Amino acid sequence: MLVRVVHGAQYSLFIGGVATAVAVAVGIVLGSAAGTGNRIIDEVVTRVFDLLGSFPEILFALVLIAFTGPGTWNLILAIGLSAAPRYGRVVRAEILAVRESEFVAQARLNTTSKFALTVKHIVPNALVTLPVLATLGLGTSILGTATLSFLGFGTQPPLPEWGSMLSESRDDLRLAWWTVFFPGLAITATVIATTVVGRHLHHRFERRSIQ
């Protein structure tokens, strides 16, 4: 059991990490399009964010994977797309705030082109909070991975992913409680650890911004 839990960490962390990367990448693209585009693009992307945000992320991921079928990469795509609006909203809001800052106004006075202004000044400064948010979101992705794998939509046995281990062992709970306890403990400890690190980074970023 110890070997399976330790070995299974690579699957849970890999799926959660790549899914978070997918969510951040899609969020940057859509959020940047909304924040730097014209009014029509902003309106369309914002409405898409509102529509997707009206559903719980795990439910939206479940719907996506129900169409694509079970599997590791389908699970990554489903979790990543379901979390993308969360990052897209942040990117859009940060871009709109940075556009009104003094250094951007100064750059406009220096006859900087709109494309160069966006690429060199607005977008990079709007993305500084994303690493912190991604650290916080990693725990959510790992938990979503375990949930969908438990339901049979993720990594399939005999690969020892933590969620699939819980699913395999649920019928043996009365006879061998440890087969459920230790994978669940690994999931809980990992989610708590990533959340604590993410909140620590968030507090440090807030203090630095105030200074």
C-alpha atoms as a PDB file:
ATOM      1  CA  MET A   1       0.000   0.000   0.000  1.00  0.00           C
ATOM      2  CA  LEU A   2       2.850   2.387   0.811  1.00  0.00           C
ATOM      3  CA  VAL A   3       4.495   1.676  -2.538  1.00  0.00           C
ATOM      4  CA  ARG A   4       1.222   2.218  -4.421  1.00  0.00           C
ATOM      5  CA  VAL A   5       0.477   5.489  -2.623  1.00  0.00           C
ATOM      6  CA  VAL A   6       3.990   6.836  -3.241  1.00  0.00           C
ATOM      7  CA  HIS A   7       4.025   5.633  -6.842  1.00  0.00           C
ATOM      8  CA  GLY A   8       0.543   7.041  -7.420  1.00  0.00           C
ATOM      9  CA  ALA A   9       1.711  10.530  -6.460  1.00  0.00           C
ATOM     10  CA  GLN A  10       3.261  10.981  -9.897  1.00  0.00           C
ATOM     11  CA  TYR A  11      -0.081  10.421 -11.627  1.00  0.00           C
ATOM     12  CA  SER A  12      -2.105  12.708  -9.354  1.00  0.00           C
ATOM     13  CA  LEU A  13       0.496  15.480  -9.362  1.00  0.00           C
ATOM     14  CA  PHE A  14       1.108  15.190 -13.105  1.00  0.00           C
ATOM     15  CA  ILE A  15      -2.572  15.337 -14.020  1.00  0.00           C
ATOM     16  CA  GLY A  16      -3.259  18.152 -11.560  1.00  0.00           C
ATOM     17  CA  GLY A  17      -0.209  20.152 -12.669  1.00  0.00           C
ATOM     18  CA  VAL A  18      -0.803  19.804 -16.405  1.00  0.00           C
ATOM     19  CA  ALA A  19      -4.522  20.534 -15.995  1.00  0.00           C
ATOM     20  CA  THR A  20      -3.640  23.717 -14.093  1.00  0.00           C
ATOM     21  CA  ALA A  21      -1.202  24.689 -16.864  1.00  0.00           C
ATOM     22  CA  VAL A  22      -3.929  24.151 -19.472  1.00  0.00           C
ATOM     23  CA  ALA A  23      -6.358  26.263 -17.440  1.00  0.00           C
ATOM     24  CA  VAL A  24      -3.819  29.082 -17.062  1.00  0.00           C
ATOM     25  CA  ALA A  25      -2.886  29.017 -20.766  1.00  0.00           C
ATOM     26  CA  VAL A  26      -6.512  29.117 -21.941  1.00  0.00           C
ATOM     27  CA  GLY A  27      -7.313  31.776 -19.335  1.00  0.00           C
ATOM     28  CA  ILE A  28      -4.432  33.968 -20.533  1.00  0.00           C
ATOM     29  CA  VAL A  29      -5.520  33.716 -24.164  1.00  0.00           C
ATOM     30  CA  LEU A  30      -9.201  34.432 -23.521  1.00  0.00           C
ATOM     31  CA  GLY A  31      -8.578  37.019 -20.813  1.00  0.00           C
ATOM     32  CA  SER A  32      -6.061  38.867 -22.973  1.00  0.00           C
ATOM     33  CA  ALA A  33      -8.456  38.824 -25.916  1.00  0.00           C
ATOM     34  CA  ALA A  34     -11.207  40.285 -23.732  1.00  0.00           C
ATOM     35  CA  GLY A  35      -9.005  42.880 -22.057  1.00  0.00           C
ATOM     36  CA  THR A  36      -7.174  44.133 -25.139  1.00  0.00           C
ATOM     37  CA  GLY A  37      -9.785  43.548 -27.852  1.00  0.00           C
ATOM     38  CA  ASN A  38     -12.682  45.700 -28.934  1.00  0.00           C
ATOM     39  CA  ARG A  39     -16.001  45.942 -27.146  1.00  0.00           C
ATOM     40  CA  ILE A  40     -17.619  43.095 -29.088  1.00  0.00           C
ATOM     41  CA  ILE A  41     -14.823  40.627 -28.301  1.00  0.00           C
ATOM     42  CA  ASP A  42     -14.851  41.676 -24.648  1.00  0.00           C
ATOM     43  CA  GLU A  43     -18.614  41.207 -24.461  1.00  0.00           C
ATOM     44  CA  VAL A  44     -18.549  37.770 -26.097  1.00  0.00           C
ATOM     45  CA  VAL A  45     -15.684  36.436 -23.971  1.00  0.00           C
ATOM     46  CA  THR A  46     -17.211  37.853 -20.791  1.00  0.00           C
ATOM     47  CA  ARG A  47     -20.526  36.172 -21.547  1.00  0.00           C
ATOM     48  CA  VAL A  48     -18.710  32.881 -22.138  1.00  0.00           C
ATOM     49  CA  PHE A  49     -17.007  33.267 -18.748  1.00  0.00           C
ATOM     50  CA  ASP A  50     -20.366  34.010 -17.107  1.00  0.00           C
ATOM     51  CA  LEU A  51     -21.992  31.002 -18.756  1.00  0.00           C
ATOM     52  CA  LEU A  52     -19.236  28.580 -17.771  1.00  0.00           C
ATOM     53  CA  GLY A  53     -18.948  30.109 -14.318  1.00  0.00           C
ATOM     54  CA  SER A  54     -22.618  29.431 -13.633  1.00  0.00           C
ATOM     55  CA  PHE A  55     -21.791  25.710 -13.361  1.00  0.00           C
ATOM     56  CA  PRO A  56     -19.603  24.156 -10.657  1.00  0.00           C
ATOM     57  CA  GLU A  57     -16.206  23.319 -12.145  1.00  0.00           C
ATOM     58  CA  ILE A  58     -16.415  19.637 -11.266  1.00  0.00           C
ATOM     59  CA  LEU A  59     -19.856  19.381 -12.911  1.00  0.00           C
ATOM     60  CA  PHE A  60     -18.645  21.064 -16.088  1.00  0.00           C
ATOM     61  CA  ALA A  61     -15.594  18.784 -16.158  1.00  0.00           C
ATOM     62  CA  LEU A  62     -17.862  15.774 -15.681  1.00  0.00           C
ATOM     63  CA  VAL A  63     -19.999  16.833 -18.656  1.00  0.00           C
ATOM     64  CA  LEU A  64     -16.929  17.316 -20.849  1.00  0.00           C
ATOM     65  CA  ILE A  65     -15.392  13.969 -19.977  1.00  0.00           C
ATOM     66  CA  ALA A  66     -18.741  12.256 -20.463  1.00  0.00           C
ATOM     67  CA  PHE A  67     -18.500  13.270 -24.140  1.00  0.00           C
ATOM     68  CA  THR A  68     -14.786  12.594 -24.624  1.00  0.00           C
ATOM     69  CA  GLY A  69     -14.647   9.363 -22.610  1.00  0.00           C
ATOM     70  CA  PRO A  70     -12.379   8.279 -19.745  1.00  0.00           C
ATOM     71  CA  GLY A  71      -8.614   8.544 -19.921  1.00  0.00           C
ATOM     72  CA  THR A  72      -5.726  10.564 -18.562  1.00  0.00           C
ATOM     73  CA  TRP A  73      -5.523  13.199 -21.300  1.00  0.00           C
ATOM     74  CA  ASN A  74      -9.280  13.597 -21.525  1.00  0.00           C
ATOM     75  CA  LEU A  75      -9.307  14.133 -17.776  1.00  0.00           C
ATOM     76  CA  ILE A  76      -6.574  16.782 -18.061  1.00  0.00           C
ATOM     77  CA  LEU A  77      -8.482  18.590 -20.796  1.00  0.00           C
ATOM     78  CA  ALA A  78     -11.777  18.489 -18.898  1.00  0.00           C
ATOM     79  CA  ILE A  79     -10.310  19.823 -15.644  1.00  0.00           C
ATOM     80  CA  GLY A  80      -8.234  22.439 -17.454  1.00  0.00           C
ATOM     81  CA  LEU A  81     -11.118  23.828 -19.516  1.00  0.00           C
ATOM     82  CA  SER A  82     -13.459  23.867 -16.540  1.00  0.00           C
ATOM     83  CA  ALA A  83     -10.988  25.975 -14.519  1.00  0.00           C
ATOM     84  CA  ALA A  84      -9.976  28.320 -17.360  1.00  0.00           C
ATOM     85  CA  PRO A  85     -12.714  30.967 -16.746  1.00  0.00           C
ATOM     86  CA  ARG A  86     -11.374  31.497 -13.226  1.00  0.00           C
ATOM     87  CA  TYR A  87      -7.995  32.613 -14.586  1.00  0.00           C
ATOM     88  CA  GLY A  88      -9.470  34.369 -17.607  1.00  0.00           C
ATOM     89  CA  ARG A  89     -11.517  36.713 -15.423  1.00  0.00           C
ATOM     90  CA  VAL A  90      -8.430  37.621 -13.399  1.00  0.00           C
ATOM     91  CA  VAL A  91      -6.347  38.310 -16.519  1.00  0.00           C
ATOM     92  CA  ARG A  92      -9.086  40.482 -18.014  1.00  0.00           C
ATOM     93  CA  ALA A  93      -9.539  42.479 -14.803  1.00  0.00           C
ATOM     94  CA  GLU A  94      -5.785  42.981 -14.372  1.00  0.00           C
ATOM     95  CA  ILE A  95      -5.374  44.113 -17.982  1.00  0.00           C
ATOM     96  CA  LEU A  96      -8.152  46.678 -17.602  1.00  0.00           C
ATOM     97  CA  ALA A  97      -6.492  47.959 -14.422  1.00  0.00           C
ATOM     98  CA  VAL A  98      -2.993  48.099 -15.928  1.00  0.00           C
ATOM     99  CA  ARG A  99      -4.281  49.995 -18.989  1.00  0.00           C
ATOM    100  CA  GLU A 100      -5.227  52.893 -16.708  1.00  0.00           C
ATOM    101  CA  SER A 101      -1.891  52.997 -14.854  1.00  0.00           C
ATOM    102  CA  GLU A 102       0.559  55.880 -15.077  1.00  0.00           C
ATOM    103  CA  PHE A 103       3.417  54.004 -16.728  1.00  0.00           C
ATOM    104  CA  VAL A 104       1.119  52.881 -19.565  1.00  0.00           C
ATOM    105  CA  ALA A 105      -0.001  56.482 -20.075  1.00  0.00           C
ATOM    106  CA  GLN A 106       3.650  57.512 -20.194  1.00  0.00           C
ATOM    107  CA  ALA A 107       4.365  54.795 -22.751  1.00  0.00           C
ATOM    108  CA  ARG A 108       1.542  56.125 -24.912  1.00  0.00           C
ATOM    109  CA  LEU A 109       3.134  59.565 -24.838  1.00  0.00           C
ATOM    110  CA  ASN A 110       6.366  58.036 -26.095  1.00  0.00           C
ATOM    111  CA  THR A 111       4.527  57.069 -29.309  1.00  0.00           C
ATOM    112  CA  THR A 112       4.660  53.376 -28.524  1.00  0.00           C
ATOM    113  CA  SER A 113       2.485  51.386 -30.935  1.00  0.00           C
ATOM    114  CA  LYS A 114      -0.641  49.713 -29.592  1.00  0.00           C
ATOM    115  CA  PHE A 115       0.736  46.212 -30.266  1.00  0.00           C
ATOM    116  CA  ALA A 116       4.062  46.948 -28.567  1.00  0.00           C
ATOM    117  CA  LEU A 117       2.266  48.634 -25.687  1.00  0.00           C
ATOM    118  CA  THR A 118       0.110  45.557 -25.174  1.00  0.00           C
ATOM    119  CA  VAL A 119       2.868  42.959 -25.532  1.00  0.00           C
ATOM    120  CA  LYS A 120       5.650  44.739 -23.625  1.00  0.00           C
ATOM    121  CA  HIS A 121       3.777  46.603 -20.905  1.00  0.00           C
ATOM    122  CA  ILE A 122       0.134  45.679 -20.370  1.00  0.00           C
ATOM    123  CA  VAL A 123      -0.027  41.876 -20.633  1.00  0.00           C
ATOM    124  CA  PRO A 124       3.226  41.049 -18.736  1.00  0.00           C
ATOM    125  CA  ASN A 125       2.242  43.289 -15.818  1.00  0.00           C
ATOM    126  CA  ALA A 126      -1.252  41.798 -15.783  1.00  0.00           C
ATOM    127  CA  LEU A 127       0.091  38.263 -15.355  1.00  0.00           C
ATOM    128  CA  VAL A 128       2.148  38.766 -12.191  1.00  0.00           C
ATOM    129  CA  THR A 129      -0.588  37.335  -9.941  1.00  0.00           C
ATOM    130  CA  LEU A 130      -1.158  34.178 -11.987  1.00  0.00           C
ATOM    131  CA  PRO A 131       1.643  32.051 -10.421  1.00  0.00           C
ATOM    132  CA  VAL A 132       0.068  32.626  -7.013  1.00  0.00           C
ATOM    133  CA  LEU A 133      -3.410  31.770  -8.273  1.00  0.00           C
ATOM    134  CA  ALA A 134      -2.080  28.714 -10.101  1.00  0.00           C
ATOM    135  CA  THR A 135      -0.528  27.428  -6.867  1.00  0.00           C
ATOM    136  CA  LEU A 136      -3.878  27.782  -5.135  1.00  0.00           C
ATOM    137  CA  GLY A 137      -5.642  26.179  -8.100  1.00  0.00           C
ATOM    138  CA  LEU A 138      -3.293  23.191  -8.137  1.00  0.00           C
ATOM    139  CA  GLY A 139      -4.948  21.761  -5.043  1.00  0.00           C
ATOM    140  CA  THR A 140      -8.374  22.132  -6.657  1.00  0.00           C
ATOM    141  CA  SER A 141      -7.135  20.358  -9.796  1.00  0.00           C
ATOM    142  CA  ILE A 142      -5.698  17.477  -7.763  1.00  0.00           C
ATOM    143  CA  LEU A 143      -8.972  17.141  -5.875  1.00  0.00           C
ATOM    144  CA  GLY A 144     -10.926  17.212  -9.139  1.00  0.00           C
ATOM    145  CA  THR A 145      -8.604  14.568 -10.572  1.00  0.00           C
ATOM    146  CA  ALA A 146      -9.230  12.278  -7.616  1.00  0.00           C
ATOM    147  CA  THR A 147     -12.984  12.875  -7.773  1.00  0.00           C
ATOM    148  CA  LEU A 148     -13.337  12.043 -11.461  1.00  0.00           C
ATOM    149  CA  SER A 149     -10.974   9.072 -11.174  1.00  0.00           C
ATOM    150  CA  PHE A 150     -13.063   7.800  -8.265  1.00  0.00           C
ATOM    151  CA  LEU A 151     -16.111   7.966 -10.537  1.00  0.00           C
ATOM    152  CA  GLY A 152     -14.244   5.975 -13.190  1.00  0.00           C
ATOM    153  CA  PHE A 153     -13.566   8.796 -15.671  1.00  0.00           C
ATOM    154  CA  GLY A 154      -9.857   9.254 -15.061  1.00  0.00           C
ATOM    155  CA  THR A 155      -6.795   7.035 -14.943  1.00  0.00           C
ATOM    156  CA  GLN A 156      -7.878   3.430 -15.233  1.00  0.00           C
ATOM    157  CA  PRO A 157      -6.690   0.523 -13.046  1.00  0.00           C
ATOM    158  CA  PRO A 158      -4.208  -0.949 -12.432  1.00  0.00           C
ATOM    159  CA  LEU A 159      -2.402   2.424 -12.446  1.00  0.00           C
ATOM    160  CA  PRO A 160      -2.293   3.532  -8.792  1.00  0.00           C
ATOM    161  CA  GLU A 161      -3.765   7.022  -9.097  1.00  0.00           C
ATOM    162  CA  TRP A 162      -5.125   8.073  -5.711  1.00  0.00           C
ATOM    163  CA  GLY A 163      -8.720   8.548  -6.841  1.00  0.00           C
ATOM    164  CA  SER A 164      -8.833   5.226  -8.674  1.00  0.00           C
ATOM    165  CA  MET A 165      -7.303   3.540  -5.607  1.00  0.00           C
ATOM    166  CA  LEU A 166     -10.197   4.849  -3.539  1.00  0.00           C
ATOM    167  CA  SER A 167     -12.640   3.540  -6.112  1.00  0.00           C
ATOM    168  CA  GLU A 168     -11.007   0.091  -6.152  1.00  0.00           C
ATOM    169  CA  SER A 169     -11.024  -0.188  -2.359  1.00  0.00           C
ATOM    170  CA  ARG A 170     -14.460   1.155  -1.439  1.00  0.00           C
ATOM    171  CA  ASP A 171     -16.045  -2.326  -1.393  1.00  0.00           C
ATOM    172  CA  ASP A 172     -13.359  -3.536   1.032  1.00  0.00           C
ATOM    173  CA  LEU A 173     -13.720  -0.688   3.528  1.00  0.00           C
ATOM    174  CA  ARG A 174     -15.055  -2.874   6.363  1.00  0.00           C
ATOM    175  CA  LEU A 175     -12.370  -5.531   5.923  1.00  0.00           C
ATOM    176  CA  ALA A 176      -9.334  -3.406   5.010  1.00  0.00           C
ATOM    177  CA  TRP A 177      -9.865   0.230   6.012  1.00  0.00           C
ATOM    178  CA  TRP A 178      -6.251   1.153   5.293  1.00  0.00           C
ATOM    179  CA  THR A 179      -6.728   0.637   1.550  1.00  0.00           C
ATOM    180  CA  VAL A 180      -9.047   3.658   1.593  1.00  0.00           C
ATOM    181  CA  PHE A 181      -7.508   5.652   4.429  1.00  0.00           C
ATOM    182  CA  PHE A 182      -3.997   6.151   3.073  1.00  0.00           C
ATOM    183  CA  PRO A 183      -4.893   7.231  -0.500  1.00  0.00           C
ATOM    184  CA  GLY A 184      -7.442   9.614   1.019  1.00  0.00           C
ATOM    185  CA  LEU A 185      -4.812  10.904   3.439  1.00  0.00           C
ATOM    186  CA  ALA A 186      -2.409  11.503   0.550  1.00  0.00           C
ATOM    187  CA  ILE A 187      -5.047  13.510  -1.340  1.00  0.00           C
ATOM    188  CA  THR A 188      -5.953  15.552   1.735  1.00  0.00           C
ATOM    189  CA  ALA A 189      -2.343  16.282   2.699  1.00  0.00           C
ATOM    190  CA  THR A 190      -1.400  17.324  -0.836  1.00  0.00           C
ATOM    191  CA  VAL A 191      -4.389  19.648  -1.252  1.00  0.00           C
ATOM    192  CA  ILE A 192      -3.749  21.237   2.151  1.00  0.00           C
ATOM    193  CA  ALA A 193      -0.038  21.675   1.372  1.00  0.00           C
ATOM    194  CA  THR A 194      -0.631  23.385  -1.973  1.00  0.00           C
ATOM    195  CA  THR A 195      -3.308  25.607  -0.436  1.00  0.00           C
ATOM    196  CA  VAL A 196      -1.021  26.676   2.413  1.00  0.00           C
ATOM    197  CA  VAL A 197       1.819  27.471   0.005  1.00  0.00           C
ATOM    198  CA  GLY A 198      -0.535  29.355  -2.312  1.00  0.00           C
ATOM    199  CA  ARG A 199      -1.965  31.457   0.524  1.00  0.00           C
ATOM    200  CA  HIS A 200       1.538  32.207   1.809  1.00  0.00           C
ATOM    201  CA  LEU A 201       2.578  33.422  -1.647  1.00  0.00           C
ATOM    202  CA  HIS A 202      -0.648  35.422  -1.899  1.00  0.00           C
ATOM    203  CA  HIS A 203       0.003  37.203   1.410  1.00  0.00           C
ATOM    204  CA  ARG A 204       3.597  37.961   0.418  1.00  0.00           C
ATOM    205  CA  PHE A 205       2.435  39.368  -2.906  1.00  0.00           C
ATOM    206  CA  GLU A 206      -0.155  41.551  -1.179  1.00  0.00           C
ATOM    207  CA  ARG A 207       2.434  42.931   1.274  1.00  0.00           C
ATOM    208  CA  ARG A 208       4.845  43.641  -1.581  1.00  0.00           C
ATOM    209  CA  SER A 209       2.105  45.413  -3.544  1.00  0.00           C
ATOM    210  CA  ILE A 210       1.276  47.620  -0.547  1.00  0.00           C
ATOM    211  CA  GLN A 211       4.923  48.553  -0.080  1.00  0.00           C
END
